[in-house]
């Protein structure tokens, strides 16, 4: 379903990898889409463009983008109680997420 929504020639890989193996795998990726978890931070450490959705319950400054190779696609809200978050997450458009990742990938390509 994710691949169909992206409208791109892409591969979606799901599974379990130890942290070191996941980092090595990410180094070979053009980009990563992830929630604000260790996966996001590991992609940053591997210098891979990453689009993420941050935690809406905390301050945007604390959990927002901190690298030029990443983009937060969460709505511009903060301190949203968990019971109210689903309506905000529903506003995130899959096409906008993919477009953000493509922009980061292209910026990385041009900077090398």
PDB file of N, CA and C in Angstrom:
ATOM      1  N   UNK A   1       0.835  -1.200   0.000  1.00  0.00           N
ATOM      2  CA  UNK A   1       0.000   0.000   0.000  1.00  0.00           C
ATOM      3  C   UNK A   1       0.877   1.260   0.000  1.00  0.00           C
ATOM      4  N   UNK A   2       1.954   1.267   0.805  1.00  0.00           N
ATOM      5  CA  UNK A   2       2.849   2.423   0.859  1.00  0.00           C
ATOM      6  C   UNK A   2       3.455   2.678  -0.515  1.00  0.00           C
ATOM      7  N   UNK A   3       3.903   1.617  -1.169  1.00  0.00           N
ATOM      8  CA  UNK A   3       4.504   1.760  -2.503  1.00  0.00           C
ATOM      9  C   UNK A   3       3.492   2.340  -3.487  1.00  0.00           C
ATOM     10  N   UNK A   4       2.270   1.884  -3.455  1.00  0.00           N
ATOM     11  CA  UNK A   4       1.237   2.384  -4.360  1.00  0.00           C
ATOM     12  C   UNK A   4       0.953   3.861  -4.101  1.00  0.00           C
ATOM     13  N   UNK A   5       0.900   4.250  -2.841  1.00  0.00           N
ATOM     14  CA  UNK A   5       0.655   5.653  -2.500  1.00  0.00           C
ATOM     15  C   UNK A   5       1.800   6.555  -2.947  1.00  0.00           C
ATOM     16  N   UNK A   6       3.017   6.029  -2.898  1.00  0.00           N
ATOM     17  CA  UNK A   6       4.174   6.831  -3.281  1.00  0.00           C
ATOM     18  C   UNK A   6       4.178   7.116  -4.771  1.00  0.00           C
ATOM     19  N   UNK A   7       3.667   6.197  -5.559  1.00  0.00           N
ATOM     20  CA  UNK A   7       3.677   6.402  -7.003  1.00  0.00           C
ATOM     21  C   UNK A   7       5.071   6.394  -7.581  1.00  0.00           C
ATOM     22  N   UNK A   8       5.987   5.736  -6.923  1.00  0.00           N
ATOM     23  CA  UNK A   8       7.385   5.704  -7.343  1.00  0.00           C
ATOM     24  C   UNK A   8       7.846   4.269  -7.490  1.00  0.00           C
ATOM     25  N   UNK A   9       8.953   4.099  -8.175  1.00  0.00           N
ATOM     26  CA  UNK A   9       9.598   2.797  -8.211  1.00  0.00           C
ATOM     27  C   UNK A   9      10.419   2.700  -6.932  1.00  0.00           C
ATOM     28  N   UNK A  10       9.835   2.111  -5.915  1.00  0.00           N
ATOM     29  CA  UNK A  10      10.514   2.022  -4.627  1.00  0.00           C
ATOM     30  C   UNK A  10      10.269   0.652  -4.020  1.00  0.00           C
ATOM     31  N   UNK A  11      11.053   0.340  -3.036  1.00  0.00           N
ATOM     32  CA  UNK A  11      10.903  -0.914  -2.318  1.00  0.00           C
ATOM     33  C   UNK A  11      10.636  -0.601  -0.859  1.00  0.00           C
ATOM     34  N   UNK A  12       9.651  -1.233  -0.302  1.00  0.00           N
ATOM     35  CA  UNK A  12       9.353  -1.085   1.116  1.00  0.00           C
ATOM     36  C   UNK A  12       9.811  -2.365   1.792  1.00  0.00           C
ATOM     37  N   UNK A  13      10.731  -2.233   2.720  1.00  0.00           N
ATOM     38  CA  UNK A  13      11.273  -3.389   3.422  1.00  0.00           C
ATOM     39  C   UNK A  13      10.891  -3.289   4.893  1.00  0.00           C
ATOM     40  N   UNK A  14      10.253  -4.301   5.374  1.00  0.00           N
ATOM     41  CA  UNK A  14       9.881  -4.343   6.789  1.00  0.00           C
ATOM     42  C   UNK A  14      10.502  -5.589   7.401  1.00  0.00           C
ATOM     43  N   UNK A  15      10.935  -5.494   8.634  1.00  0.00           N
ATOM     44  CA  UNK A  15      11.523  -6.643   9.299  1.00  0.00           C
ATOM     45  C   UNK A  15      12.285  -6.225  10.526  1.00  0.00           C
ATOM     46  N   UNK A  16      13.040  -7.134  11.069  1.00  0.00           N
ATOM     47  CA  UNK A  16      13.819  -6.879  12.271  1.00  0.00           C
ATOM     48  C   UNK A  16      15.300  -6.948  11.946  1.00  0.00           C
ATOM     49  N   UNK A  17      16.015  -5.905  12.309  1.00  0.00           N
ATOM     50  CA  UNK A  17      17.464  -5.872  12.153  1.00  0.00           C
ATOM     51  C   UNK A  17      18.078  -5.329  13.429  1.00  0.00           C
ATOM     52  N   UNK A  18      19.234  -5.826  13.824  1.00  0.00           N
ATOM     53  CA  UNK A  18      19.953  -5.197  14.934  1.00  0.00           C
ATOM     54  C   UNK A  18      20.348  -3.773  14.524  1.00  0.00           C
ATOM     55  N   UNK A  19      20.601  -2.920  15.483  1.00  0.00           N
ATOM     56  CA  UNK A  19      20.893  -1.511  15.217  1.00  0.00           C
ATOM     57  C   UNK A  19      22.048  -1.330  14.238  1.00  0.00           C
ATOM     58  N   UNK A  20      23.139  -2.000  14.442  1.00  0.00           N
ATOM     59  CA  UNK A  20      24.298  -1.842  13.561  1.00  0.00           C
ATOM     60  C   UNK A  20      23.953  -2.255  12.123  1.00  0.00           C
ATOM     61  N   UNK A  21      23.251  -3.357  11.973  1.00  0.00           N
ATOM     62  CA  UNK A  21      22.861  -3.820  10.635  1.00  0.00           C
ATOM     63  C   UNK A  21      21.898  -2.827   9.982  1.00  0.00           C
ATOM     64  N   UNK A  22      20.977  -2.275  10.762  1.00  0.00           N
ATOM     65  CA  UNK A  22      20.047  -1.289  10.225  1.00  0.00           C
ATOM     66  C   UNK A  22      20.804  -0.047   9.754  1.00  0.00           C
ATOM     67  N   UNK A  23      21.788   0.402  10.514  1.00  0.00           N
ATOM     68  CA  UNK A  23      22.604   1.549  10.105  1.00  0.00           C
ATOM     69  C   UNK A  23      23.333   1.276   8.799  1.00  0.00           C
ATOM     70  N   UNK A  24      23.906   0.094   8.673  1.00  0.00           N
ATOM     71  CA  UNK A  24      24.606  -0.278   7.429  1.00  0.00           C
ATOM     72  C   UNK A  24      23.632  -0.338   6.261  1.00  0.00           C
ATOM     73  N   UNK A  25      22.450  -0.869   6.506  1.00  0.00           N
ATOM     74  CA  UNK A  25      21.426  -0.927   5.472  1.00  0.00           C
ATOM     75  C   UNK A  25      21.035   0.481   5.034  1.00  0.00           C
ATOM     76  N   UNK A  26      20.813   1.369   6.004  1.00  0.00           N
ATOM     77  CA  UNK A  26      20.384   2.735   5.679  1.00  0.00           C
ATOM     78  C   UNK A  26      21.412   3.489   4.851  1.00  0.00           C
ATOM     79  N   UNK A  27      22.681   3.222   5.083  1.00  0.00           N
ATOM     80  CA  UNK A  27      23.723   3.895   4.301  1.00  0.00           C
ATOM     81  C   UNK A  27      23.563   3.634   2.811  1.00  0.00           C
ATOM     82  N   UNK A  28      22.886   2.578   2.446  1.00  0.00           N
ATOM     83  CA  UNK A  28      22.672   2.217   1.043  1.00  0.00           C
ATOM     84  C   UNK A  28      21.347   2.746   0.501  1.00  0.00           C
ATOM     85  N   UNK A  29      20.554   3.391   1.350  1.00  0.00           N
ATOM     86  CA  UNK A  29      19.242   3.906   0.949  1.00  0.00           C
ATOM     87  C   UNK A  29      19.359   5.332   0.416  1.00  0.00           C
ATOM     88  N   UNK A  30      18.488   5.673  -0.503  1.00  0.00           N
ATOM     89  CA  UNK A  30      18.437   7.054  -1.002  1.00  0.00           C
ATOM     90  C   UNK A  30      17.755   7.956   0.012  1.00  0.00           C
ATOM     91  N   UNK A  31      16.826   7.408   0.782  1.00  0.00           N
ATOM     92  CA  UNK A  31      16.108   8.192   1.767  1.00  0.00           C
ATOM     93  C   UNK A  31      15.294   7.290   2.670  1.00  0.00           C
ATOM     94  N   UNK A  32      14.813   7.868   3.769  1.00  0.00           N
ATOM     95  CA  UNK A  32      14.065   7.115   4.773  1.00  0.00           C
ATOM     96  C   UNK A  32      12.849   7.932   5.191  1.00  0.00           C
ATOM     97  N   UNK A  33      11.719   7.248   5.363  1.00  0.00           N
ATOM     98  CA  UNK A  33      10.522   7.834   5.958  1.00  0.00           C
ATOM     99  C   UNK A  33      10.305   7.091   7.272  1.00  0.00           C
ATOM    100  N   UNK A  34      10.195   7.855   8.368  1.00  0.00           N
ATOM    101  CA  UNK A  34      10.124   7.210   9.675  1.00  0.00           C
ATOM    102  C   UNK A  34       9.370   8.088  10.672  1.00  0.00           C
ATOM    103  N   UNK A  35       8.880   7.478  11.732  1.00  0.00           N
ATOM    104  CA  UNK A  35       8.379   8.302  12.827  1.00  0.00           C
ATOM    105  C   UNK A  35       9.582   8.853  13.596  1.00  0.00           C
ATOM    106  N   UNK A  36       9.322   9.679  14.586  1.00  0.00           N
ATOM    107  CA  UNK A  36      10.410  10.240  15.393  1.00  0.00           C
ATOM    108  C   UNK A  36      10.839   9.192  16.413  1.00  0.00           C
ATOM    109  N   UNK A  37      11.633   8.250  15.927  1.00  0.00           N
ATOM    110  CA  UNK A  37      12.138   7.158  16.761  1.00  0.00           C
ATOM    111  C   UNK A  37      13.633   7.028  16.508  1.00  0.00           C
ATOM    112  N   UNK A  38      14.202   5.980  17.040  1.00  0.00           N
ATOM    113  CA  UNK A  38      15.613   5.712  16.805  1.00  0.00           C
ATOM    114  C   UNK A  38      15.930   5.578  15.330  1.00  0.00           C
ATOM    115  N   UNK A  39      14.964   5.115  14.541  1.00  0.00           N
ATOM    116  CA  UNK A  39      15.183   4.974  13.104  1.00  0.00           C
ATOM    117  C   UNK A  39      15.516   6.317  12.476  1.00  0.00           C
ATOM    118  N   UNK A  40      14.805   7.344  12.857  1.00  0.00           N
ATOM    119  CA  UNK A  40      15.089   8.692  12.352  1.00  0.00           C
ATOM    120  C   UNK A  40      16.514   9.099  12.698  1.00  0.00           C
ATOM    121  N   UNK A  41      16.899   8.915  13.930  1.00  0.00           N
ATOM    122  CA  UNK A  41      18.214   9.353  14.386  1.00  0.00           C
ATOM    123  C   UNK A  41      19.330   8.510  13.767  1.00  0.00           C
ATOM    124  N   UNK A  42      19.067   7.258  13.558  1.00  0.00           N
ATOM    125  CA  UNK A  42      20.042   6.386  12.898  1.00  0.00           C
ATOM    126  C   UNK A  42      20.230   6.810  11.442  1.00  0.00           C
ATOM    127  N   UNK A  43      19.142   7.174  10.765  1.00  0.00           N
ATOM    128  CA  UNK A  43      19.257   7.676   9.387  1.00  0.00           C
ATOM    129  C   UNK A  43      20.083   8.959   9.357  1.00  0.00           C
ATOM    130  N   UNK A  44      19.864   9.843  10.332  1.00  0.00           N
ATOM    131  CA  UNK A  44      20.680  11.058  10.411  1.00  0.00           C
ATOM    132  C   UNK A  44      22.149  10.715  10.615  1.00  0.00           C
ATOM    133  N   UNK A  45      22.424   9.765  11.479  1.00  0.00           N
ATOM    134  CA  UNK A  45      23.815   9.367  11.738  1.00  0.00           C
ATOM    135  C   UNK A  45      24.459   8.767  10.495  1.00  0.00           C
ATOM    136  N   UNK A  46      23.643   8.108   9.665  1.00  0.00           N
ATOM    137  CA  UNK A  46      24.159   7.515   8.429  1.00  0.00           C
ATOM    138  C   UNK A  46      24.197   8.532   7.287  1.00  0.00           C
ATOM    139  N   UNK A  47      23.827   9.779   7.572  1.00  0.00           N
ATOM    140  CA  UNK A  47      23.806  10.866   6.576  1.00  0.00           C
ATOM    141  C   UNK A  47      22.878  10.530   5.409  1.00  0.00           C
ATOM    142  N   UNK A  48      21.695  10.012   5.751  1.00  0.00           N
ATOM    143  CA  UNK A  48      20.687   9.670   4.760  1.00  0.00           C
ATOM    144  C   UNK A  48      19.511  10.635   4.936  1.00  0.00           C
ATOM    145  N   UNK A  49      19.003  11.215   3.855  1.00  0.00           N
ATOM    146  CA  UNK A  49      17.837  12.087   3.980  1.00  0.00           C
ATOM    147  C   UNK A  49      16.680  11.349   4.650  1.00  0.00           C
ATOM    148  N   UNK A  50      16.032  12.028   5.574  1.00  0.00           N
ATOM    149  CA  UNK A  50      14.937  11.391   6.320  1.00  0.00           C
ATOM    150  C   UNK A  50      13.775  12.363   6.486  1.00  0.00           C
ATOM    151  N   UNK A  51      12.596  11.857   6.212  1.00  0.00           N
ATOM    152  CA  UNK A  51      11.357  12.580   6.464  1.00  0.00           C
ATOM    153  C   UNK A  51      10.699  11.878   7.646  1.00  0.00           C
ATOM    154  N   UNK A  52      10.294  12.643   8.625  1.00  0.00           N
ATOM    155  CA  UNK A  52       9.735  12.040   9.836  1.00  0.00           C
ATOM    156  C   UNK A  52       8.510  12.793  10.311  1.00  0.00           C
ATOM    157  N   UNK A  53       7.751  12.129  11.159  1.00  0.00           N
ATOM    158  CA  UNK A  53       6.603  12.729  11.831  1.00  0.00           C
ATOM    159  C   UNK A  53       6.942  12.767  13.315  1.00  0.00           C
ATOM    160  N   UNK A  54       7.044  13.976  13.841  1.00  0.00           N
ATOM    161  CA  UNK A  54       7.441  14.111  15.239  1.00  0.00           C
ATOM    162  C   UNK A  54       6.273  13.867  16.181  1.00  0.00           C
ATOM    163  N   UNK A  55       6.600  13.765  17.435  1.00  0.00           N
ATOM    164  CA  UNK A  55       5.625  13.581  18.503  1.00  0.00           C
ATOM    165  C   UNK A  55       4.865  14.895  18.701  1.00  0.00           C
ATOM    166  N   UNK A  56       3.567  14.869  18.528  1.00  0.00           N
ATOM    167  CA  UNK A  56       2.756  16.083  18.644  1.00  0.00           C
ATOM    168  C   UNK A  56       2.503  16.509  20.084  1.00  0.00           C
ATOM    169  N   UNK A  57       2.858  15.660  21.032  1.00  0.00           N
ATOM    170  CA  UNK A  57       2.585  15.960  22.437  1.00  0.00           C
ATOM    171  C   UNK A  57       3.683  16.806  23.078  1.00  0.00           C
ATOM    172  N   UNK A  58       4.788  16.993  22.392  1.00  0.00           N
ATOM    173  CA  UNK A  58       5.908  17.742  22.961  1.00  0.00           C
ATOM    174  C   UNK A  58       6.182  19.015  22.163  1.00  0.00           C
ATOM    175  N   UNK A  59       7.084  19.819  22.681  1.00  0.00           N
ATOM    176  CA  UNK A  59       7.488  21.082  22.067  1.00  0.00           C
ATOM    177  C   UNK A  59       8.139  20.832  20.709  1.00  0.00           C
ATOM    178  N   UNK A  60       7.758  21.588  19.687  1.00  0.00           N
ATOM    179  CA  UNK A  60       8.319  21.432  18.338  1.00  0.00           C
ATOM    180  C   UNK A  60       9.829  21.646  18.326  1.00  0.00           C
ATOM    181  N   UNK A  61      10.321  22.573  19.143  1.00  0.00           N
ATOM    182  CA  UNK A  61      11.758  22.856  19.170  1.00  0.00           C
ATOM    183  C   UNK A  61      12.533  21.642  19.666  1.00  0.00           C
ATOM    184  N   UNK A  62      11.980  20.931  20.634  1.00  0.00           N
ATOM    185  CA  UNK A  62      12.675  19.783  21.210  1.00  0.00           C
ATOM    186  C   UNK A  62      12.712  18.574  20.298  1.00  0.00           C
ATOM    187  N   UNK A  63      11.691  18.397  19.469  1.00  0.00           N
ATOM    188  CA  UNK A  63      11.642  17.183  18.658  1.00  0.00           C
ATOM    189  C   UNK A  63      11.631  17.438  17.156  1.00  0.00           C
ATOM    190  N   UNK A  64      11.772  18.683  16.753  1.00  0.00           N
ATOM    191  CA  UNK A  64      11.758  19.014  15.330  1.00  0.00           C
ATOM    192  C   UNK A  64      13.075  18.693  14.640  1.00  0.00           C
ATOM    193  N   UNK A  65      13.158  19.055  13.380  1.00  0.00           N
ATOM    194  CA  UNK A  65      14.343  18.783  12.560  1.00  0.00           C
ATOM    195  C   UNK A  65      15.578  19.461  13.150  1.00  0.00           C
ATOM    196  N   UNK A  66      16.682  18.736  13.145  1.00  0.00           N
ATOM    197  CA  UNK A  66      17.944  19.294  13.635  1.00  0.00           C
ATOM    198  C   UNK A  66      19.094  19.098  12.658  1.00  0.00           C
ATOM    199  N   UNK A  67      18.819  18.524  11.511  1.00  0.00           N
ATOM    200  CA  UNK A  67      19.826  18.332  10.471  1.00  0.00           C
ATOM    201  C   UNK A  67      19.283  18.880   9.155  1.00  0.00           C
ATOM    202  N   UNK A  68      20.156  19.376   8.293  1.00  0.00           N
ATOM    203  CA  UNK A  68      19.672  19.862   6.995  1.00  0.00           C
ATOM    204  C   UNK A  68      19.187  18.734   6.087  1.00  0.00           C
ATOM    205  N   UNK A  69      19.471  17.493   6.448  1.00  0.00           N
ATOM    206  CA  UNK A  69      19.071  16.354   5.630  1.00  0.00           C
ATOM    207  C   UNK A  69      17.790  15.699   6.140  1.00  0.00           C
ATOM    208  N   UNK A  70      17.016  16.418   6.959  1.00  0.00           N
ATOM    209  CA  UNK A  70      15.767  15.847   7.442  1.00  0.00           C
ATOM    210  C   UNK A  70      14.647  16.870   7.371  1.00  0.00           C
ATOM    211  N   UNK A  71      13.419  16.354   7.365  1.00  0.00           N
ATOM    212  CA  UNK A  71      12.239  17.210   7.274  1.00  0.00           C
ATOM    213  C   UNK A  71      11.133  16.638   8.146  1.00  0.00           C
ATOM    214  N   UNK A  72      10.566  17.491   8.971  1.00  0.00           N
ATOM    215  CA  UNK A  72       9.434  17.127   9.820  1.00  0.00           C
ATOM    216  C   UNK A  72       8.157  17.451   9.042  1.00  0.00           C
ATOM    217  N   UNK A  73       7.328  16.448   8.771  1.00  0.00           N
ATOM    218  CA  UNK A  73       6.094  16.668   8.018  1.00  0.00           C
ATOM    219  C   UNK A  73       4.856  16.716   8.913  1.00  0.00           C
ATOM    220  N   UNK A  74       5.068  16.757  10.217  1.00  0.00           N
ATOM    221  CA  UNK A  74       3.932  16.847  11.144  1.00  0.00           C
ATOM    222  C   UNK A  74       3.287  18.223  11.030  1.00  0.00           C
ATOM    223  N   UNK A  75       2.000  18.319  11.320  1.00  0.00           N
ATOM    224  CA  UNK A  75       1.344  19.625  11.342  1.00  0.00           C
ATOM    225  C   UNK A  75       2.025  20.554  12.351  1.00  0.00           C
ATOM    226  N   UNK A  76       1.937  21.864  12.153  1.00  0.00           N
ATOM    227  CA  UNK A  76       2.630  22.820  13.027  1.00  0.00           C
ATOM    228  C   UNK A  76       1.911  23.050  14.353  1.00  0.00           C
ATOM    229  N   UNK A  77       1.723  21.987  15.103  1.00  0.00           N
ATOM    230  CA  UNK A  77       1.070  22.066  16.410  1.00  0.00           C
ATOM    231  C   UNK A  77       1.972  21.403  17.442  1.00  0.00           C
ATOM    232  N   UNK A  78       1.684  21.653  18.695  1.00  0.00           N
ATOM    233  CA  UNK A  78       2.441  21.017  19.771  1.00  0.00           C
ATOM    234  C   UNK A  78       1.543  20.888  20.990  1.00  0.00           C
ATOM    235  N   UNK A  79       1.962  20.039  21.915  1.00  0.00           N
ATOM    236  CA  UNK A  79       1.229  19.778  23.149  1.00  0.00           C
ATOM    237  C   UNK A  79      -0.204  19.294  22.878  1.00  0.00           C
ATOM    238  N   UNK A  80      -0.377  18.524  21.821  1.00  0.00           N
ATOM    239  CA  UNK A  80      -1.690  17.978  21.466  1.00  0.00           C
ATOM    240  C   UNK A  80      -1.904  16.693  22.269  1.00  0.00           C
ATOM    241  N   UNK A  81      -2.970  16.624  23.061  1.00  0.00           N
ATOM    242  CA  UNK A  81      -3.236  15.400  23.833  1.00  0.00           C
ATOM    243  C   UNK A  81      -3.402  14.193  22.901  1.00  0.00           C
ATOM    244  N   UNK A  82      -2.967  13.028  23.342  1.00  0.00           N
ATOM    245  CA  UNK A  82      -3.056  11.829  22.490  1.00  0.00           C
ATOM    246  C   UNK A  82      -4.444  11.595  21.902  1.00  0.00           C
ATOM    247  N   UNK A  83      -5.495  11.861  22.643  1.00  0.00           N
ATOM    248  CA  UNK A  83      -6.851  11.627  22.151  1.00  0.00           C
ATOM    249  C   UNK A  83      -7.214  12.515  20.965  1.00  0.00           C
ATOM    250  N   UNK A  84      -6.492  13.609  20.768  1.00  0.00           N
ATOM    251  CA  UNK A  84      -6.791  14.553  19.686  1.00  0.00           C
ATOM    252  C   UNK A  84      -5.808  14.453  18.516  1.00  0.00           C
ATOM    253  N   UNK A  85      -4.801  13.615  18.627  1.00  0.00           N
ATOM    254  CA  UNK A  85      -3.752  13.588  17.614  1.00  0.00           C
ATOM    255  C   UNK A  85      -4.195  12.999  16.280  1.00  0.00           C
ATOM    256  N   UNK A  86      -5.107  12.057  16.292  1.00  0.00           N
ATOM    257  CA  UNK A  86      -5.472  11.392  15.039  1.00  0.00           C
ATOM    258  C   UNK A  86      -6.011  12.371  14.000  1.00  0.00           C
ATOM    259  N   UNK A  87      -6.742  13.376  14.419  1.00  0.00           N
ATOM    260  CA  UNK A  87      -7.270  14.333  13.436  1.00  0.00           C
ATOM    261  C   UNK A  87      -6.146  15.164  12.816  1.00  0.00           C
ATOM    262  N   UNK A  88      -5.087  15.399  13.570  1.00  0.00           N
ATOM    263  CA  UNK A  88      -3.944  16.129  13.030  1.00  0.00           C
ATOM    264  C   UNK A  88      -3.123  15.240  12.098  1.00  0.00           C
ATOM    265  N   UNK A  89      -2.920  13.997  12.505  1.00  0.00           N
ATOM    266  CA  UNK A  89      -2.164  13.076  11.653  1.00  0.00           C
ATOM    267  C   UNK A  89      -2.887  12.819  10.337  1.00  0.00           C
ATOM    268  N   UNK A  90      -4.207  12.857  10.347  1.00  0.00           N
ATOM    269  CA  UNK A  90      -4.982  12.641   9.116  1.00  0.00           C
ATOM    270  C   UNK A  90      -4.732  13.731   8.085  1.00  0.00           C
ATOM    271  N   UNK A  91      -4.214  14.867   8.515  1.00  0.00           N
ATOM    272  CA  UNK A  91      -3.930  15.970   7.597  1.00  0.00           C
ATOM    273  C   UNK A  91      -2.633  15.772   6.813  1.00  0.00           C
ATOM    274  N   UNK A  92      -1.826  14.821   7.220  1.00  0.00           N
ATOM    275  CA  UNK A  92      -0.556  14.582   6.533  1.00  0.00           C
ATOM    276  C   UNK A  92      -0.852  13.838   5.230  1.00  0.00           C
ATOM    277  N   UNK A  93      -0.528  14.459   4.123  1.00  0.00           N
ATOM    278  CA  UNK A  93      -0.797  13.888   2.813  1.00  0.00           C
ATOM    279  C   UNK A  93       0.385  13.026   2.359  1.00  0.00           C
ATOM    280  N   UNK A  94       0.139  11.770   1.980  1.00  0.00           N
ATOM    281  CA  UNK A  94       1.231  10.903   1.528  1.00  0.00           C
ATOM    282  C   UNK A  94       2.061  11.525   0.399  1.00  0.00           C
ATOM    283  N   UNK A  95       1.411  12.187  -0.533  1.00  0.00           N
ATOM    284  CA  UNK A  95       2.144  12.798  -1.647  1.00  0.00           C
ATOM    285  C   UNK A  95       3.100  13.882  -1.148  1.00  0.00           C
ATOM    286  N   UNK A  96       2.692  14.632  -0.139  1.00  0.00           N
ATOM    287  CA  UNK A  96       3.557  15.680   0.417  1.00  0.00           C
ATOM    288  C   UNK A  96       4.764  15.067   1.117  1.00  0.00           C
ATOM    289  N   UNK A  97       4.572  13.927   1.750  1.00  0.00           N
ATOM    290  CA  UNK A  97       5.686  13.233   2.411  1.00  0.00           C
ATOM    291  C   UNK A  97       6.701  12.781   1.366  1.00  0.00           C
ATOM    292  N   UNK A  98       6.219  12.187   0.300  1.00  0.00           N
ATOM    293  CA  UNK A  98       7.107  11.722  -0.768  1.00  0.00           C
ATOM    294  C   UNK A  98       7.815  12.903  -1.428  1.00  0.00           C
ATOM    295  N   UNK A  99       7.094  13.979  -1.688  1.00  0.00           N
ATOM    296  CA  UNK A  99       7.707  15.171  -2.291  1.00  0.00           C
ATOM    297  C   UNK A  99       8.805  15.740  -1.396  1.00  0.00           C
ATOM    298  N   UNK A 100       8.566  15.776  -0.099  1.00  0.00           N
ATOM    299  CA  UNK A 100       9.583  16.270   0.834  1.00  0.00           C
ATOM    300  C   UNK A 100      10.829  15.401   0.776  1.00  0.00           C
ATOM    301  N   UNK A 101      10.640  14.088   0.727  1.00  0.00           N
ATOM    302  CA  UNK A 101      11.788  13.192   0.655  1.00  0.00           C
ATOM    303  C   UNK A 101      12.538  13.367  -0.661  1.00  0.00           C
ATOM    304  N   UNK A 102      11.822  13.505  -1.762  1.00  0.00           N
ATOM    305  CA  UNK A 102      12.484  13.704  -3.060  1.00  0.00           C
ATOM    306  C   UNK A 102      13.293  14.999  -3.083  1.00  0.00           C
ATOM    307  N   UNK A 103      12.764  16.052  -2.458  1.00  0.00           N
ATOM    308  CA  UNK A 103      13.524  17.320  -2.376  1.00  0.00           C
ATOM    309  C   UNK A 103      14.815  17.130  -1.590  1.00  0.00           C
ATOM    310  N   UNK A 104      14.738  16.403  -0.468  1.00  0.00           N
ATOM    311  CA  UNK A 104      15.942  16.164   0.333  1.00  0.00           C
ATOM    312  C   UNK A 104      16.956  15.323  -0.433  1.00  0.00           C
ATOM    313  N   UNK A 105      16.481  14.313  -1.130  1.00  0.00           N
ATOM    314  CA  UNK A 105      17.381  13.458  -1.906  1.00  0.00           C
ATOM    315  C   UNK A 105      18.067  14.270  -2.996  1.00  0.00           C
ATOM    316  N   UNK A 106      17.317  15.116  -3.674  1.00  0.00           N
ATOM    317  CA  UNK A 106      17.902  15.945  -4.737  1.00  0.00           C
ATOM    318  C   UNK A 106      18.898  16.953  -4.157  1.00  0.00           C
ATOM    319  N   UNK A 107      18.563  17.559  -3.032  1.00  0.00           N
ATOM    320  CA  UNK A 107      19.497  18.505  -2.391  1.00  0.00           C
ATOM    321  C   UNK A 107      20.782  17.810  -2.006  1.00  0.00           C
ATOM    322  N   UNK A 108      20.684  16.610  -1.511  1.00  0.00           N
ATOM    323  CA  UNK A 108      21.884  15.837  -1.147  1.00  0.00           C
ATOM    324  C   UNK A 108      22.711  15.542  -2.386  1.00  0.00           C
ATOM    325  N   UNK A 109      22.042  15.152  -3.468  1.00  0.00           N
ATOM    326  CA  UNK A 109      22.747  14.841  -4.719  1.00  0.00           C
ATOM    327  C   UNK A 109      23.492  16.071  -5.245  1.00  0.00           C
ATOM    328  N   UNK A 110      22.848  17.211  -5.177  1.00  0.00           N
ATOM    329  CA  UNK A 110      23.462  18.449  -5.691  1.00  0.00           C
ATOM    330  C   UNK A 110      24.612  18.932  -4.821  1.00  0.00           C
ATOM    331  N   UNK A 111      24.596  18.575  -3.530  1.00  0.00           N
ATOM    332  CA  UNK A 111      25.648  19.048  -2.633  1.00  0.00           C
ATOM    333  C   UNK A 111      26.911  18.205  -2.700  1.00  0.00           C
ATOM    334  N   UNK A 112      26.855  17.102  -3.406  1.00  0.00           N
ATOM    335  CA  UNK A 112      28.031  16.216  -3.469  1.00  0.00           C
ATOM    336  C   UNK A 112      28.875  16.501  -4.661  1.00  0.00           C
TER     337      UNK A 112
END
